Protein backbone atom coordinates (compact mmCIF):
# COMPACT_ATOMS: atom_id res chain seq x y z
CA UNK A 1 -1.03 -46.09 8.55
CA UNK A 2 1.05 -43.07 9.56
CA UNK A 3 2.86 -43.08 6.21
CA UNK A 4 -0.48 -43.32 4.39
CA UNK A 5 -1.82 -40.29 6.31
CA UNK A 6 1.36 -38.34 5.51
CA UNK A 7 1.02 -39.18 1.82
CA UNK A 8 -2.64 -38.18 1.89
CA UNK A 9 -1.73 -34.83 3.50
CA UNK A 10 0.91 -34.11 0.85
CA UNK A 11 -1.56 -34.96 -1.92
CA UNK A 12 -4.02 -32.47 -0.44
CA UNK A 13 -1.30 -29.82 -0.31
CA UNK A 14 0.02 -30.57 -3.80
CA UNK A 15 -2.30 -28.23 -5.81
CA UNK A 16 -1.51 -25.29 -3.54
CA UNK A 17 2.21 -26.08 -3.60
CA UNK A 18 2.22 -26.27 -7.41
CA UNK A 19 0.52 -22.86 -7.66
CA UNK A 20 2.83 -21.36 -5.01
CA UNK A 21 5.98 -22.58 -6.74
CA UNK A 22 4.74 -21.73 -10.24
CA UNK A 23 3.54 -18.20 -9.52
CA UNK A 24 5.69 -17.10 -6.55
CA UNK A 25 8.96 -18.93 -5.98
CA UNK A 26 9.89 -19.74 -9.59
CA UNK A 27 9.22 -16.17 -10.88
CA UNK A 28 11.24 -14.78 -7.98
CA UNK A 29 14.24 -17.00 -8.76
CA UNK A 30 14.01 -16.20 -12.49
CA UNK A 31 13.81 -12.49 -11.74
CA UNK A 32 16.96 -12.62 -9.62
CA UNK A 33 18.68 -14.61 -12.38
CA UNK A 34 17.62 -12.14 -15.12
CA UNK A 35 19.00 -9.23 -13.11
CA UNK A 36 22.53 -10.51 -13.79
CA UNK A 37 22.20 -10.28 -17.59
CA UNK A 38 22.12 -7.61 -20.29
CA UNK A 39 19.47 -7.77 -22.99
CA UNK A 40 20.77 -9.19 -26.27
CA UNK A 41 20.83 -7.01 -29.39
CA UNK A 42 19.83 -7.81 -32.96
CA UNK A 43 18.56 -11.26 -32.07
CA UNK A 44 21.62 -12.13 -30.01
CA UNK A 45 21.14 -13.99 -26.70
CA UNK A 46 21.36 -12.14 -23.41
CA UNK A 47 24.88 -11.47 -22.14
CA UNK A 48 26.05 -12.08 -18.59
CA UNK A 49 26.46 -8.74 -16.81
CA UNK A 50 27.29 -9.70 -13.25
CA UNK A 51 26.49 -6.76 -11.01
CA UNK A 52 26.58 -4.18 -13.85
CA UNK A 53 22.80 -3.67 -13.78
CA UNK A 54 22.99 -2.87 -10.07
CA UNK A 55 25.86 -0.43 -10.63
CA UNK A 56 23.89 1.26 -13.42
CA UNK A 57 20.92 1.50 -11.10
CA UNK A 58 23.02 3.31 -8.49
CA UNK A 59 23.94 5.88 -11.17
CA UNK A 60 20.36 6.24 -12.39
CA UNK A 61 19.04 9.65 -11.30
CA UNK A 62 15.46 8.67 -12.12
CA UNK A 63 15.76 5.64 -9.83
CA UNK A 64 16.75 7.81 -6.88
CA UNK A 65 13.93 10.24 -7.60
CA UNK A 66 11.51 7.31 -7.77
CA UNK A 67 12.82 5.99 -4.46
CA UNK A 68 12.35 9.41 -2.86
CA UNK A 69 8.82 9.61 -4.28
CA UNK A 70 7.98 6.18 -2.89
CA UNK A 71 9.41 7.08 0.51
CA UNK A 72 7.25 10.20 0.73
CA UNK A 73 4.29 8.26 -0.62
CA UNK A 74 4.72 5.65 2.13
CA UNK A 75 5.20 8.26 4.86
CA UNK A 76 2.18 10.21 3.66
CA UNK A 77 -0.29 7.37 3.15
CA UNK A 78 0.45 4.65 5.72
CA UNK A 79 0.13 6.58 9.05
CA UNK A 80 -2.71 8.73 7.70
CA UNK A 81 -4.75 5.78 6.42
CA UNK A 82 -4.30 3.86 9.68
CA UNK A 83 -5.17 6.85 11.89
CA UNK A 84 -8.30 7.73 9.89
CA UNK A 85 -9.35 4.05 9.76
CA UNK A 86 -9.05 3.77 13.54
CA UNK A 87 -11.05 6.97 14.12
CA UNK A 88 -13.78 5.83 11.73
CA UNK A 89 -13.93 2.40 13.40
CA UNK A 90 -14.26 3.95 16.86
CA UNK A 91 -17.05 6.20 15.61
CA UNK A 92 -19.12 3.57 13.80
CA UNK A 93 -18.63 1.15 16.71
CA UNK A 94 -20.34 3.57 19.07
CA UNK A 95 -24.09 3.66 19.64
CA UNK A 96 -25.29 6.17 17.07
CA UNK A 97 -28.27 6.18 14.75
CA UNK A 98 -27.69 5.15 11.15
CA UNK A 99 -24.32 3.55 11.88
CA UNK A 100 -24.97 0.77 9.34
CA UNK A 101 -25.32 3.33 6.55
CA UNK A 102 -22.25 5.15 7.84
CA UNK A 103 -20.21 1.93 7.76
CA UNK A 104 -21.38 1.31 4.19
CA UNK A 105 -20.44 4.86 3.18
CA UNK A 106 -16.95 4.48 4.61
CA UNK A 107 -16.43 1.09 2.98
CA UNK A 108 -17.78 2.03 -0.47
CA UNK A 109 -14.49 3.46 -1.87
CA UNK A 110 -12.82 0.10 -1.14
CA UNK A 111 -15.07 -1.87 -3.50
CA UNK A 112 -14.57 0.53 -6.40
CA UNK A 113 -11.97 -0.50 -9.03
CA UNK A 114 -8.88 1.69 -8.91
CA UNK A 115 -9.34 2.69 -12.56
CA UNK A 116 -12.85 3.92 -11.77
CA UNK A 117 -11.55 5.78 -8.73
CA UNK A 118 -8.86 7.44 -10.84
CA UNK A 119 -11.43 8.65 -13.35
CA UNK A 120 -13.64 10.03 -10.57
CA UNK A 121 -10.75 11.94 -9.04
CA UNK A 122 -9.61 13.10 -12.47
CA UNK A 123 -12.84 15.08 -12.59
CA UNK A 124 -12.03 16.59 -9.19
CA UNK A 125 -8.50 17.54 -10.26
CA UNK A 126 -9.17 18.84 -13.79
CA UNK A 127 -7.63 22.34 -14.15
CA UNK A 128 -10.58 24.07 -15.80
CA UNK A 129 -13.73 22.20 -14.79
CA UNK A 130 -12.50 20.30 -11.76
CA UNK A 131 -14.52 20.39 -8.54
CA UNK A 132 -11.61 21.51 -6.36
CA UNK A 133 -10.73 24.46 -8.60
CA UNK A 134 -14.39 25.43 -8.77
CA UNK A 135 -14.41 25.60 -4.97
CA UNK A 136 -11.21 27.66 -4.99
CA UNK A 137 -12.71 30.00 -7.57
CA UNK A 138 -15.84 30.39 -5.44
CA UNK A 139 -13.79 31.60 -2.47
CA UNK A 140 -11.62 33.86 -4.63
CA UNK A 141 -8.45 31.73 -4.54
CA UNK A 142 -6.20 31.02 -7.52
CA UNK A 143 -6.72 27.67 -9.30
CA UNK A 144 -4.16 24.90 -8.82
CA UNK A 145 -2.85 22.52 -11.45
CA UNK A 146 -3.19 19.56 -9.11
CA UNK A 147 -1.68 16.91 -11.37
CA UNK A 148 0.51 19.14 -13.52
CA UNK A 149 2.40 20.94 -10.76
CA UNK A 150 5.31 18.87 -9.35
CA UNK A 151 4.67 20.33 -5.90
CA UNK A 152 1.04 19.19 -5.85
CA UNK A 153 0.99 16.04 -8.00
CA UNK A 154 2.31 13.52 -5.46
CA UNK A 155 0.22 14.84 -2.52
CA UNK A 156 -2.81 14.64 -4.81
CA UNK A 157 -2.13 10.96 -5.44
CA UNK A 158 -1.63 10.39 -1.71
CA UNK A 159 -5.08 11.83 -1.02
CA UNK A 160 -6.67 9.33 -3.41
CA UNK A 161 -4.88 6.43 -1.75
CA UNK A 162 -5.90 7.49 1.75
CA UNK A 163 -9.51 7.97 0.63
CA UNK A 164 -9.62 4.47 -0.84
CA UNK A 165 -7.67 2.55 1.80
CA UNK A 166 -9.02 4.02 5.05
CA UNK A 167 -12.41 2.32 4.68
CA UNK A 168 -10.77 -1.03 4.02
CA UNK A 169 -8.61 -0.83 7.13
CA UNK A 170 -11.61 0.40 9.13
CA UNK A 171 -13.29 -3.01 8.70
CA UNK A 172 -10.42 -4.78 10.45
CA UNK A 173 -10.39 -2.30 13.31
CA UNK A 174 -14.17 -2.53 13.66
CA UNK A 175 -14.00 -6.32 13.86
CA UNK A 176 -11.23 -6.09 16.48
CA UNK A 177 -13.15 -3.54 18.55
CA UNK A 178 -16.16 -5.83 18.70
CA UNK A 179 -14.04 -8.61 20.21
CA UNK A 180 -12.90 -6.45 23.15
CA UNK A 181 -14.79 -7.21 26.34
CA UNK A 182 -16.79 -4.05 27.17
CA UNK A 183 -16.42 -4.82 30.89
CA UNK A 184 -12.79 -3.70 30.67
CA UNK A 185 -13.74 -0.13 29.75
CA UNK A 186 -16.67 -0.20 32.17
CA UNK A 187 -14.34 -1.13 35.01
CA UNK A 188 -11.94 1.65 34.01
CA UNK A 189 -14.82 4.15 34.02
CA UNK A 190 -15.83 3.06 37.51
CA UNK A 191 -12.24 3.68 38.62
CA UNK A 192 -12.49 7.25 37.32
CA UNK A 193 -10.46 6.77 34.14
CA UNK A 194 -11.12 9.25 31.33
CA UNK A 195 -12.16 8.04 27.86
CA UNK A 196 -8.77 9.01 26.43
CA UNK A 197 -6.90 7.19 29.19
CA UNK A 198 -9.10 4.09 28.71
CA UNK A 199 -8.38 4.14 25.00
CA UNK A 200 -4.64 4.62 25.54
CA UNK A 201 -4.28 2.02 28.31
CA UNK A 202 -6.87 -0.60 27.30
CA UNK A 203 -8.34 -0.31 23.81
CA UNK A 204 -5.28 0.58 21.76
CA UNK A 205 -2.95 -2.07 23.30
CA UNK A 206 -5.60 -4.70 22.52
CA UNK A 207 -5.76 -3.41 18.94
CA UNK A 208 -2.02 -3.79 18.35
CA UNK A 209 -2.31 -7.20 16.61
CA UNK A 210 -4.74 -5.64 14.15
CA UNK A 211 -2.50 -2.59 13.81
CA UNK A 212 0.43 -4.81 12.85
CA UNK A 213 -1.66 -6.59 10.22
CA UNK A 214 -2.99 -3.31 8.83
CA UNK A 215 0.45 -1.70 8.82
CA UNK A 216 2.02 -4.56 6.86
CA UNK A 217 -0.75 -4.36 4.27
CA UNK A 218 -0.53 -0.56 4.08
CA UNK A 219 3.22 -0.71 3.45
CA UNK A 220 2.73 -3.31 0.71
CA UNK A 221 0.03 -1.18 -0.87
CA UNK A 222 2.36 1.83 -0.87
CA UNK A 223 4.56 -0.10 -3.30
CA UNK A 224 1.88 -1.74 -5.44
CA UNK A 225 -1.06 0.67 -5.70
CA UNK A 226 -0.07 2.38 -8.95
CA UNK A 227 -3.16 1.73 -11.09
CA UNK A 228 -4.17 5.36 -10.81
CA UNK A 229 -0.84 6.46 -12.30
CA UNK A 230 -1.88 5.03 -15.68
CA UNK A 231 -4.94 7.29 -15.74
CA UNK A 232 -3.82 10.39 -13.88
CA UNK A 233 -0.16 11.24 -14.42
CA UNK A 234 1.83 8.48 -16.20
CA UNK A 235 4.52 9.21 -13.60
CA UNK A 236 4.77 12.88 -14.51
CA UNK A 237 5.26 15.75 -14.48
CA UNK A 238 9.00 15.18 -14.87
CA UNK A 239 8.83 11.95 -12.80
CA UNK A 240 7.34 13.82 -9.85
CA UNK A 241 4.79 11.03 -9.28
CA UNK A 242 6.76 8.10 -10.64
CA UNK A 243 6.76 5.23 -8.12
CA UNK A 244 8.97 2.16 -8.05
CA UNK A 245 6.49 -0.37 -9.41
CA UNK A 246 5.45 1.99 -12.20
CA UNK A 247 9.14 2.58 -13.05
CA UNK A 248 9.59 -1.20 -13.25
CA UNK A 249 6.62 -1.36 -15.60
CA UNK A 250 8.07 1.41 -17.76
CA UNK A 251 11.42 -0.32 -18.12
CA UNK A 252 9.87 -3.70 -18.85
CA UNK A 253 7.05 -2.76 -21.24
CA UNK A 254 7.85 0.73 -22.54
CA UNK A 255 11.65 0.61 -22.80
CA UNK A 256 11.73 -3.22 -23.25
CA UNK A 257 14.67 -3.53 -20.85
CA UNK A 258 13.39 -6.51 -18.90
CA UNK A 259 16.75 -7.22 -17.28
CA UNK A 260 16.99 -3.75 -15.74
CA UNK A 261 13.35 -4.12 -14.68
CA UNK A 262 14.31 -7.40 -13.01
CA UNK A 263 17.09 -5.57 -11.15
CA UNK A 264 14.63 -2.99 -9.87
CA UNK A 265 12.23 -5.76 -8.87
CA UNK A 266 14.93 -7.48 -6.81
CA UNK A 267 15.61 -4.20 -5.01
CA UNK A 268 11.90 -3.75 -4.30
CA UNK A 269 11.62 -7.28 -2.90
CA UNK A 270 14.61 -6.71 -0.62
CA UNK A 271 13.13 -3.44 0.60
CA UNK A 272 9.76 -5.06 1.35
CA UNK A 273 11.44 -7.88 3.27
CA UNK A 274 13.46 -5.38 5.33
CA UNK A 275 10.38 -3.29 6.07
CA UNK A 276 8.42 -6.39 7.09
CA UNK A 277 11.27 -7.50 9.36
CA UNK A 278 11.41 -4.07 11.00
CA UNK A 279 7.64 -4.02 11.54
CA UNK A 280 7.51 -7.50 13.04
CA UNK A 281 10.68 -6.99 15.05
CA UNK A 282 9.66 -3.62 16.48
CA UNK A 283 5.88 -3.81 16.86
CA UNK A 284 5.34 -7.47 17.67
CA UNK A 285 7.35 -7.12 20.88
CA UNK A 286 4.73 -4.65 22.11
CA UNK A 287 1.74 -6.79 21.16
CA UNK A 288 -0.37 -8.59 23.73
CA UNK A 289 -2.07 -11.60 22.18
CA UNK A 290 -4.99 -13.08 24.05
């Protein structure tokens, strides 16, 4: 009977396992394998390259610029999105009139497709007719080429990401806030604790499991949210907004160097695993599960 139950359990898991292996594990193994080959020329098969692709990557100036861009993109979007999401969740969780409409307004950017969002913000950033430059003109300031100036292009993309992601992360914080026993804060108030001290000592520690979940997702999004690059900048000007996943796309589908793209993909996977390990190793020790 026990063997029959075990077989039944494996049969139930089989469809999910087939999909997991077919679309996750097998592509990962093939990508690592492809990274050790050079593309064949004139119909010739691919040639074994060993670690040559990785050595070429270390000498690739564009790769290092892309890595720097992605680092700044991560630093600029992850903490900001989480902080704004937490503040919004605290606000809409309080007793205020019209909070349902406010929650909907905050969450609306999340349900919009990234291509639609990019086109909306393209109107804001347009040099001549853009909303932001119209506001600058109204106050007598010089217009800014938001997407054409290397100094402004990447921060402009960060603003779009924060605007879109904060509402999504707010939902998780709002759900977590509603599971906290209000008697904890009431008891702290009776003891003379300030609202800030109650938040720092009670609310925020209880939100750490949610913070870990949100942080992991925010870091992943910092490496995969590049849809807007296709519409807004194409990685320009002069690779000022080129991010790692978009650079992988360029090498695979614009330059047709799939083996070098596989090498970059392996590097991205290793980076994501290291970042996840750091997050779980550092933050999970400070988490109080209940």
